[in-house]
Amino acid sequence: MITLFNRKLIHSSFAMESQAKIKNILDHNGIKYYERVINRRSASPFGNGTRAITGSVGESSAYTYEYMIYVYKKDYDLANKYIHDDKE
């Protein structure tokens, strides 16, 4: 199980296509990952969010969700290699 103590962030993006590509690379190479999706407009325990205050006028919907992908620390170097080899 990937937990807070044994994981490392491999990719962070606001683009759904980018995170899907990274997840496909990791799946194809048998590397387990944990994905976290954050809605940047929603309320949190520390604040009410931005939508209630500012509305959504003039805001780009491309930055609503942030996708973060974590892998085991022991798999980080190999996962990073696969991701960068695929980009070349």
PDB file of N, CA and C in Angstrom:
ATOM      1  N   MET A   1       0.839  -1.175   0.000  1.00  0.00           N
ATOM      2  CA  MET A   1       0.000   0.000   0.000  1.00  0.00           C
ATOM      3  C   MET A   1       0.892   1.249   0.000  1.00  0.00           C
ATOM      4  N   ILE A   2       0.596   2.141  -0.893  1.00  0.00           N
ATOM      5  CA  ILE A   2       1.355   3.385  -0.976  1.00  0.00           C
ATOM      6  C   ILE A   2       0.810   4.345   0.078  1.00  0.00           C
ATOM      7  N   THR A   3       1.685   4.780   0.979  1.00  0.00           N
ATOM      8  CA  THR A   3       1.280   5.672   2.061  1.00  0.00           C
ATOM      9  C   THR A   3       2.074   6.972   2.001  1.00  0.00           C
ATOM     10  N   LEU A   4       1.770   7.853   2.898  1.00  0.00           N
ATOM     11  CA  LEU A   4       2.458   9.129   2.995  1.00  0.00           C
ATOM     12  C   LEU A   4       3.952   8.953   3.247  1.00  0.00           C
ATOM     13  N   PHE A   5       4.321   7.875   3.928  1.00  0.00           N
ATOM     14  CA  PHE A   5       5.704   7.677   4.344  1.00  0.00           C
ATOM     15  C   PHE A   5       6.569   6.917   3.339  1.00  0.00           C
ATOM     16  N   ASN A   6       5.967   6.217   2.387  1.00  0.00           N
ATOM     17  CA  ASN A   6       6.775   5.431   1.442  1.00  0.00           C
ATOM     18  C   ASN A   6       6.560   5.845  -0.011  1.00  0.00           C
ATOM     19  N   ARG A   7       6.055   7.041  -0.232  1.00  0.00           N
ATOM     20  CA  ARG A   7       5.791   7.486  -1.596  1.00  0.00           C
ATOM     21  C   ARG A   7       6.606   8.721  -1.945  1.00  0.00           C
ATOM     22  N   LYS A   8       6.679   8.970  -3.261  1.00  0.00           N
ATOM     23  CA  LYS A   8       7.368  10.154  -3.764  1.00  0.00           C
ATOM     24  C   LYS A   8       6.588  10.668  -4.972  1.00  0.00           C
ATOM     25  N   LEU A   9       6.445  11.966  -5.065  1.00  0.00           N
ATOM     26  CA  LEU A   9       5.708  12.580  -6.169  1.00  0.00           C
ATOM     27  C   LEU A   9       6.501  12.433  -7.463  1.00  0.00           C
ATOM     28  N   ILE A  10       5.877  11.824  -8.460  1.00  0.00           N
ATOM     29  CA  ILE A  10       6.528  11.622  -9.756  1.00  0.00           C
ATOM     30  C   ILE A  10       6.018  12.627 -10.793  1.00  0.00           C
ATOM     31  N   HIS A  11       4.785  13.114 -10.605  1.00  0.00           N
ATOM     32  CA  HIS A  11       4.205  14.008 -11.618  1.00  0.00           C
ATOM     33  C   HIS A  11       3.072  14.822 -10.999  1.00  0.00           C
ATOM     34  N   SER A  12       3.020  16.090 -11.358  1.00  0.00           N
ATOM     35  CA  SER A  12       1.934  16.976 -10.952  1.00  0.00           C
ATOM     36  C   SER A  12       1.555  17.823 -12.156  1.00  0.00           C
ATOM     37  N   SER A  13       0.258  17.911 -12.429  1.00  0.00           N
ATOM     38  CA  SER A  13      -0.181  18.626 -13.617  1.00  0.00           C
ATOM     39  C   SER A  13      -1.633  19.055 -13.479  1.00  0.00           C
ATOM     40  N   PHE A  14      -2.007  20.061 -14.238  1.00  0.00           N
ATOM     41  CA  PHE A  14      -3.405  20.464 -14.330  1.00  0.00           C
ATOM     42  C   PHE A  14      -4.047  19.882 -15.590  1.00  0.00           C
ATOM     43  N   ALA A  15      -3.273  19.210 -16.426  1.00  0.00           N
ATOM     44  CA  ALA A  15      -3.760  18.666 -17.694  1.00  0.00           C
ATOM     45  C   ALA A  15      -4.143  17.199 -17.550  1.00  0.00           C
ATOM     46  N   MET A  16      -5.393  16.891 -17.848  1.00  0.00           N
ATOM     47  CA  MET A  16      -5.867  15.518 -17.745  1.00  0.00           C
ATOM     48  C   MET A  16      -5.128  14.604 -18.716  1.00  0.00           C
ATOM     49  N   GLU A  17      -4.811  15.099 -19.901  1.00  0.00           N
ATOM     50  CA  GLU A  17      -4.113  14.290 -20.897  1.00  0.00           C
ATOM     51  C   GLU A  17      -2.721  13.888 -20.408  1.00  0.00           C
ATOM     52  N   SER A  18      -2.052  14.812 -19.749  1.00  0.00           N
ATOM     53  CA  SER A  18      -0.711  14.562 -19.239  1.00  0.00           C
ATOM     54  C   SER A  18      -0.716  13.482 -18.163  1.00  0.00           C
ATOM     55  N   GLN A  19      -1.632  13.579 -17.232  1.00  0.00           N
ATOM     56  CA  GLN A  19      -1.692  12.572 -16.171  1.00  0.00           C
ATOM     57  C   GLN A  19      -2.107  11.221 -16.717  1.00  0.00           C
ATOM     58  N   ALA A  20      -2.971  11.196 -17.713  1.00  0.00           N
ATOM     59  CA  ALA A  20      -3.387   9.931 -18.319  1.00  0.00           C
ATOM     60  C   ALA A  20      -2.204   9.251 -19.011  1.00  0.00           C
ATOM     61  N   LYS A  21      -1.374  10.043 -19.681  1.00  0.00           N
ATOM     62  CA  LYS A  21      -0.201   9.498 -20.362  1.00  0.00           C
ATOM     63  C   LYS A  21       0.784   8.897 -19.348  1.00  0.00           C
ATOM     64  N   ILE A  22       1.030   9.601 -18.256  1.00  0.00           N
ATOM     65  CA  ILE A  22       1.939   9.106 -17.219  1.00  0.00           C
ATOM     66  C   ILE A  22       1.394   7.818 -16.604  1.00  0.00           C
ATOM     67  N   LYS A  23       0.104   7.796 -16.319  1.00  0.00           N
ATOM     68  CA  LYS A  23      -0.504   6.592 -15.740  1.00  0.00           C
ATOM     69  C   LYS A  23      -0.409   5.409 -16.702  1.00  0.00           C
ATOM     70  N   ASN A  24      -0.573   5.646 -17.992  1.00  0.00           N
ATOM     71  CA  ASN A  24      -0.447   4.568 -18.983  1.00  0.00           C
ATOM     72  C   ASN A  24       0.974   4.015 -19.019  1.00  0.00           C
ATOM     73  N   ILE A  25       1.965   4.902 -18.941  1.00  0.00           N
ATOM     74  CA  ILE A  25       3.367   4.469 -18.927  1.00  0.00           C
ATOM     75  C   ILE A  25       3.635   3.611 -17.696  1.00  0.00           C
ATOM     76  N   LEU A  26       3.169   4.070 -16.548  1.00  0.00           N
ATOM     77  CA  LEU A  26       3.390   3.316 -15.312  1.00  0.00           C
ATOM     78  C   LEU A  26       2.669   1.966 -15.359  1.00  0.00           C
ATOM     79  N   ASP A  27       1.434   1.952 -15.822  1.00  0.00           N
ATOM     80  CA  ASP A  27       0.680   0.691 -15.958  1.00  0.00           C
ATOM     81  C   ASP A  27       1.395  -0.278 -16.888  1.00  0.00           C
ATOM     82  N   HIS A  28       1.830   0.223 -18.032  1.00  0.00           N
ATOM     83  CA  HIS A  28       2.490  -0.604 -19.035  1.00  0.00           C
ATOM     84  C   HIS A  28       3.759  -1.259 -18.491  1.00  0.00           C
ATOM     85  N   ASN A  29       4.441  -0.560 -17.586  1.00  0.00           N
ATOM     86  CA  ASN A  29       5.693  -1.065 -17.031  1.00  0.00           C
ATOM     87  C   ASN A  29       5.522  -1.716 -15.660  1.00  0.00           C
ATOM     88  N   GLY A  30       4.285  -1.895 -15.223  1.00  0.00           N
ATOM     89  CA  GLY A  30       4.012  -2.611 -13.980  1.00  0.00           C
ATOM     90  C   GLY A  30       4.406  -1.881 -12.710  1.00  0.00           C
ATOM     91  N   ILE A  31       4.406  -0.559 -12.749  1.00  0.00           N
ATOM     92  CA  ILE A  31       4.751   0.234 -11.570  1.00  0.00           C
ATOM     93  C   ILE A  31       3.467   0.720 -10.907  1.00  0.00           C
ATOM     94  N   LYS A  32       3.328   0.393  -9.625  1.00  0.00           N
ATOM     95  CA  LYS A  32       2.141   0.809  -8.887  1.00  0.00           C
ATOM     96  C   LYS A  32       2.240   2.292  -8.565  1.00  0.00           C
ATOM     97  N   TYR A  33       1.081   2.955  -8.572  1.00  0.00           N
ATOM     98  CA  TYR A  33       1.033   4.385  -8.303  1.00  0.00           C
ATOM     99  C   TYR A  33      -0.220   4.727  -7.521  1.00  0.00           C
ATOM    100  N   TYR A  34      -0.206   5.916  -6.948  1.00  0.00           N
ATOM    101  CA  TYR A  34      -1.355   6.461  -6.234  1.00  0.00           C
ATOM    102  C   TYR A  34      -1.632   7.824  -6.846  1.00  0.00           C
ATOM    103  N   GLU A  35      -2.874   8.061  -7.212  1.00  0.00           N
ATOM    104  CA  GLU A  35      -3.233   9.338  -7.816  1.00  0.00           C
ATOM    105  C   GLU A  35      -4.092  10.143  -6.848  1.00  0.00           C
ATOM    106  N   ARG A  36      -3.774  11.418  -6.759  1.00  0.00           N
ATOM    107  CA  ARG A  36      -4.553  12.325  -5.925  1.00  0.00           C
ATOM    108  C   ARG A  36      -5.048  13.451  -6.815  1.00  0.00           C
ATOM    109  N   VAL A  37      -6.338  13.722  -6.759  1.00  0.00           N
ATOM    110  CA  VAL A  37      -6.933  14.789  -7.559  1.00  0.00           C
ATOM    111  C   VAL A  37      -7.498  15.829  -6.603  1.00  0.00           C
ATOM    112  N   ILE A  38      -7.108  17.075  -6.818  1.00  0.00           N
ATOM    113  CA  ILE A  38      -7.570  18.162  -5.961  1.00  0.00           C
ATOM    114  C   ILE A  38      -8.360  19.156  -6.791  1.00  0.00           C
ATOM    115  N   ASN A  39      -9.574  19.463  -6.334  1.00  0.00           N
ATOM    116  CA  ASN A  39     -10.382  20.497  -6.963  1.00  0.00           C
ATOM    117  C   ASN A  39      -9.981  21.815  -6.307  1.00  0.00           C
ATOM    118  N   ARG A  40      -9.276  22.652  -7.038  1.00  0.00           N
ATOM    119  CA  ARG A  40      -8.747  23.899  -6.495  1.00  0.00           C
ATOM    120  C   ARG A  40      -9.817  24.945  -6.213  1.00  0.00           C
ATOM    121  N   ARG A  41     -11.017  24.740  -6.677  1.00  0.00           N
ATOM    122  CA  ARG A  41     -12.102  25.691  -6.404  1.00  0.00           C
ATOM    123  C   ARG A  41     -12.979  25.273  -5.228  1.00  0.00           C
ATOM    124  N   SER A  42     -12.829  24.060  -4.767  1.00  0.00           N
ATOM    125  CA  SER A  42     -13.718  23.586  -3.713  1.00  0.00           C
ATOM    126  C   SER A  42     -13.276  24.080  -2.343  1.00  0.00           C
ATOM    127  N   ALA A  43     -14.179  24.014  -1.425  1.00  0.00           N
ATOM    128  CA  ALA A  43     -13.893  24.415  -0.051  1.00  0.00           C
ATOM    129  C   ALA A  43     -13.001  23.381   0.618  1.00  0.00           C
ATOM    130  N   SER A  44     -12.286  23.820   1.644  1.00  0.00           N
ATOM    131  CA  SER A  44     -11.436  22.920   2.411  1.00  0.00           C
ATOM    132  C   SER A  44     -11.605  23.257   3.891  1.00  0.00           C
ATOM    133  N   PRO A  45     -11.032  22.425   4.770  1.00  0.00           N
ATOM    134  CA  PRO A  45     -11.127  22.748   6.197  1.00  0.00           C
ATOM    135  C   PRO A  45     -10.444  24.078   6.554  1.00  0.00           C
ATOM    136  N   PHE A  46      -9.556  24.554   5.681  1.00  0.00           N
ATOM    137  CA  PHE A  46      -8.803  25.771   5.969  1.00  0.00           C
ATOM    138  C   PHE A  46      -9.344  27.009   5.254  1.00  0.00           C
ATOM    139  N   GLY A  47     -10.338  26.819   4.412  1.00  0.00           N
ATOM    140  CA  GLY A  47     -10.889  27.970   3.685  1.00  0.00           C
ATOM    141  C   GLY A  47     -12.172  27.595   2.980  1.00  0.00           C
ATOM    142  N   ASN A  48     -12.882  28.611   2.509  1.00  0.00           N
ATOM    143  CA  ASN A  48     -14.163  28.379   1.864  1.00  0.00           C
ATOM    144  C   ASN A  48     -14.070  28.131   0.374  1.00  0.00           C
ATOM    145  N   GLY A  49     -12.875  28.146  -0.182  1.00  0.00           N
ATOM    146  CA  GLY A  49     -12.738  28.000  -1.622  1.00  0.00           C
ATOM    147  C   GLY A  49     -12.913  29.344  -2.298  1.00  0.00           C
ATOM    148  N   THR A  50     -12.667  29.389  -3.579  1.00  0.00           N
ATOM    149  CA  THR A  50     -12.716  30.673  -4.288  1.00  0.00           C
ATOM    150  C   THR A  50     -14.047  30.928  -4.978  1.00  0.00           C
ATOM    151  N   ARG A  51     -14.780  29.905  -5.283  1.00  0.00           N
ATOM    152  CA  ARG A  51     -15.995  30.088  -6.070  1.00  0.00           C
ATOM    153  C   ARG A  51     -17.035  30.937  -5.349  1.00  0.00           C
ATOM    154  N   ALA A  52     -17.207  30.756  -4.053  1.00  0.00           N
ATOM    155  CA  ALA A  52     -18.201  31.525  -3.300  1.00  0.00           C
ATOM    156  C   ALA A  52     -17.833  33.001  -3.234  1.00  0.00           C
ATOM    157  N   ILE A  53     -16.546  33.287  -3.272  1.00  0.00           N
ATOM    158  CA  ILE A  53     -16.087  34.673  -3.144  1.00  0.00           C
ATOM    159  C   ILE A  53     -16.033  35.362  -4.502  1.00  0.00           C
ATOM    160  N   THR A  54     -15.398  34.717  -5.468  1.00  0.00           N
ATOM    161  CA  THR A  54     -15.143  35.379  -6.754  1.00  0.00           C
ATOM    162  C   THR A  54     -16.034  34.899  -7.887  1.00  0.00           C
ATOM    163  N   GLY A  55     -16.712  33.793  -7.717  1.00  0.00           N
ATOM    164  CA  GLY A  55     -17.458  33.213  -8.809  1.00  0.00           C
ATOM    165  C   GLY A  55     -16.495  32.569  -9.789  1.00  0.00           C
ATOM    166  N   SER A  56     -16.940  32.308 -10.995  1.00  0.00           N
ATOM    167  CA  SER A  56     -16.064  31.670 -11.971  1.00  0.00           C
ATOM    168  C   SER A  56     -15.827  32.536 -13.208  1.00  0.00           C
ATOM    169  N   VAL A  57     -16.271  33.772 -13.180  1.00  0.00           N
ATOM    170  CA  VAL A  57     -16.106  34.668 -14.317  1.00  0.00           C
ATOM    171  C   VAL A  57     -14.626  34.989 -14.499  1.00  0.00           C
ATOM    172  N   GLY A  58     -14.117  34.762 -15.698  1.00  0.00           N
ATOM    173  CA  GLY A  58     -12.739  35.084 -16.016  1.00  0.00           C
ATOM    174  C   GLY A  58     -11.725  34.036 -15.592  1.00  0.00           C
ATOM    175  N   GLU A  59     -12.164  32.977 -14.946  1.00  0.00           N
ATOM    176  CA  GLU A  59     -11.250  31.921 -14.515  1.00  0.00           C
ATOM    177  C   GLU A  59     -11.187  30.818 -15.566  1.00  0.00           C
ATOM    178  N   SER A  60     -10.006  30.339 -15.798  1.00  0.00           N
ATOM    179  CA  SER A  60      -9.830  29.259 -16.757  1.00  0.00           C
ATOM    180  C   SER A  60     -10.207  27.935 -16.098  1.00  0.00           C
ATOM    181  N   SER A  61     -11.059  27.191 -16.748  1.00  0.00           N
ATOM    182  CA  SER A  61     -11.463  25.893 -16.199  1.00  0.00           C
ATOM    183  C   SER A  61     -10.336  24.875 -16.298  1.00  0.00           C
ATOM    184  N   ALA A  62      -9.279  25.199 -17.032  1.00  0.00           N
ATOM    185  CA  ALA A  62      -8.134  24.294 -17.171  1.00  0.00           C
ATOM    186  C   ALA A  62      -7.376  24.132 -15.863  1.00  0.00           C
ATOM    187  N   TYR A  63      -7.555  25.059 -14.939  1.00  0.00           N
ATOM    188  CA  TYR A  63      -6.828  25.009 -13.666  1.00  0.00           C
ATOM    189  C   TYR A  63      -7.729  24.635 -12.492  1.00  0.00           C
ATOM    190  N   THR A  64      -8.834  23.995 -12.760  1.00  0.00           N
ATOM    191  CA  THR A  64      -9.742  23.596 -11.697  1.00  0.00           C
ATOM    192  C   THR A  64      -9.212  22.388 -10.949  1.00  0.00           C
ATOM    193  N   TYR A  65      -8.729  21.385 -11.660  1.00  0.00           N
ATOM    194  CA  TYR A  65      -8.265  20.150 -11.033  1.00  0.00           C
ATOM    195  C   TYR A  65      -6.760  19.991 -11.175  1.00  0.00           C
ATOM    196  N   GLU A  66      -6.120  19.633 -10.075  1.00  0.00           N
ATOM    197  CA  GLU A  66      -4.694  19.326 -10.097  1.00  0.00           C
ATOM    198  C   GLU A  66      -4.535  17.833  -9.875  1.00  0.00           C
ATOM    199  N   TYR A  67      -3.767  17.203 -10.728  1.00  0.00           N
ATOM    200  CA  TYR A  67      -3.533  15.764 -10.675  1.00  0.00           C
ATOM    201  C   TYR A  67      -2.118  15.507 -10.178  1.00  0.00           C
ATOM    202  N   MET A  68      -2.000  14.724  -9.114  1.00  0.00           N
ATOM    203  CA  MET A  68      -0.687  14.386  -8.566  1.00  0.00           C
ATOM    204  C   MET A  68      -0.557  12.868  -8.537  1.00  0.00           C
ATOM    205  N   ILE A  69       0.549  12.371  -9.064  1.00  0.00           N
ATOM    206  CA  ILE A  69       0.786  10.934  -9.129  1.00  0.00           C
ATOM    207  C   ILE A  69       2.017  10.611  -8.288  1.00  0.00           C
ATOM    208  N   TYR A  70       1.840   9.665  -7.386  1.00  0.00           N
ATOM    209  CA  TYR A  70       2.911   9.228  -6.491  1.00  0.00           C
ATOM    210  C   TYR A  70       3.267   7.776  -6.794  1.00  0.00           C
ATOM    211  N   VAL A  71       4.530   7.437  -6.596  1.00  0.00           N
ATOM    212  CA  VAL A  71       4.992   6.052  -6.710  1.00  0.00           C
ATOM    213  C   VAL A  71       5.763   5.712  -5.439  1.00  0.00           C
ATOM    214  N   TYR A  72       6.015   4.409  -5.251  1.00  0.00           N
ATOM    215  CA  TYR A  72       6.866   4.011  -4.137  1.00  0.00           C
ATOM    216  C   TYR A  72       8.229   4.671  -4.289  1.00  0.00           C
ATOM    217  N   LYS A  73       8.832   5.062  -3.170  1.00  0.00           N
ATOM    218  CA  LYS A  73      10.166   5.664  -3.209  1.00  0.00           C
ATOM    219  C   LYS A  73      11.160   4.744  -3.906  1.00  0.00           C
ATOM    220  N   LYS A  74      11.045   3.444  -3.656  1.00  0.00           N
ATOM    221  CA  LYS A  74      11.984   2.471  -4.240  1.00  0.00           C
ATOM    222  C   LYS A  74      11.816   2.377  -5.764  1.00  0.00           C
ATOM    223  N   ASP A  75      10.654   2.737  -6.290  1.00  0.00           N
ATOM    224  CA  ASP A  75      10.389   2.663  -7.729  1.00  0.00           C
ATOM    225  C   ASP A  75      10.571   3.998  -8.447  1.00  0.00           C
ATOM    226  N   TYR A  76      10.888   5.039  -7.709  1.00  0.00           N
ATOM    227  CA  TYR A  76      10.920   6.387  -8.284  1.00  0.00           C
ATOM    228  C   TYR A  76      11.900   6.512  -9.455  1.00  0.00           C
ATOM    229  N   ASP A  77      13.132   6.067  -9.267  1.00  0.00           N
ATOM    230  CA  ASP A  77      14.144   6.220 -10.325  1.00  0.00           C
ATOM    231  C   ASP A  77      13.759   5.472 -11.595  1.00  0.00           C
ATOM    232  N   LEU A  78      13.252   4.257 -11.445  1.00  0.00           N
ATOM    233  CA  LEU A  78      12.835   3.470 -12.603  1.00  0.00           C
ATOM    234  C   LEU A  78      11.629   4.110 -13.296  1.00  0.00           C
ATOM    235  N   ALA A  79      10.653   4.559 -12.510  1.00  0.00           N
ATOM    236  CA  ALA A  79       9.474   5.208 -13.082  1.00  0.00           C
ATOM    237  C   ALA A  79       9.863   6.485 -13.818  1.00  0.00           C
ATOM    238  N   ASN A  80      10.757   7.249 -13.231  1.00  0.00           N
ATOM    239  CA  ASN A  80      11.230   8.486 -13.858  1.00  0.00           C
ATOM    240  C   ASN A  80      11.927   8.185 -15.177  1.00  0.00           C
ATOM    241  N   LYS A  81      12.709   7.118 -15.210  1.00  0.00           N
ATOM    242  CA  LYS A  81      13.389   6.710 -16.440  1.00  0.00           C
ATOM    243  C   LYS A  81      12.375   6.362 -17.531  1.00  0.00           C
ATOM    244  N   TYR A  82      11.364   5.558 -17.187  1.00  0.00           N
ATOM    245  CA  TYR A  82      10.345   5.184 -18.169  1.00  0.00           C
ATOM    246  C   TYR A  82       9.602   6.410 -18.700  1.00  0.00           C
ATOM    247  N   ILE A  83       9.282   7.332 -17.823  1.00  0.00           N
ATOM    248  CA  ILE A  83       8.543   8.529 -18.231  1.00  0.00           C
ATOM    249  C   ILE A  83       9.383   9.389 -19.177  1.00  0.00           C
ATOM    250  N   HIS A  84      10.649   9.579 -18.848  1.00  0.00           N
ATOM    251  CA  HIS A  84      11.496  10.429 -19.680  1.00  0.00           C
ATOM    252  C   HIS A  84      11.933   9.738 -20.962  1.00  0.00           C
ATOM    253  N   ASP A  85      12.076   8.422 -20.949  1.00  0.00           N
ATOM    254  CA  ASP A  85      12.407   7.682 -22.174  1.00  0.00           C
ATOM    255  C   ASP A  85      11.258   7.769 -23.162  1.00  0.00           C
ATOM    256  N   ASP A  86      10.026   7.776 -22.657  1.00  0.00           N
ATOM    257  CA  ASP A  86       8.859   7.836 -23.521  1.00  0.00           C
ATOM    258  C   ASP A  86       8.699   9.220 -24.157  1.00  0.00           C
ATOM    259  N   LYS A  87       9.166  10.254 -23.482  1.00  0.00           N
ATOM    260  CA  LYS A  87       9.040  11.618 -24.010  1.00  0.00           C
ATOM    261  C   LYS A  87      10.026  11.909 -25.117  1.00  0.00           C
ATOM    262  N   GLU A  88      11.113  11.162 -25.177  1.00  0.00           N
ATOM    263  CA  GLU A  88      12.158  11.417 -26.175  1.00  0.00           C
ATOM    264  C   GLU A  88      11.821  10.795 -27.508  1.00  0.00           C
TER     265      GLU A  88
END
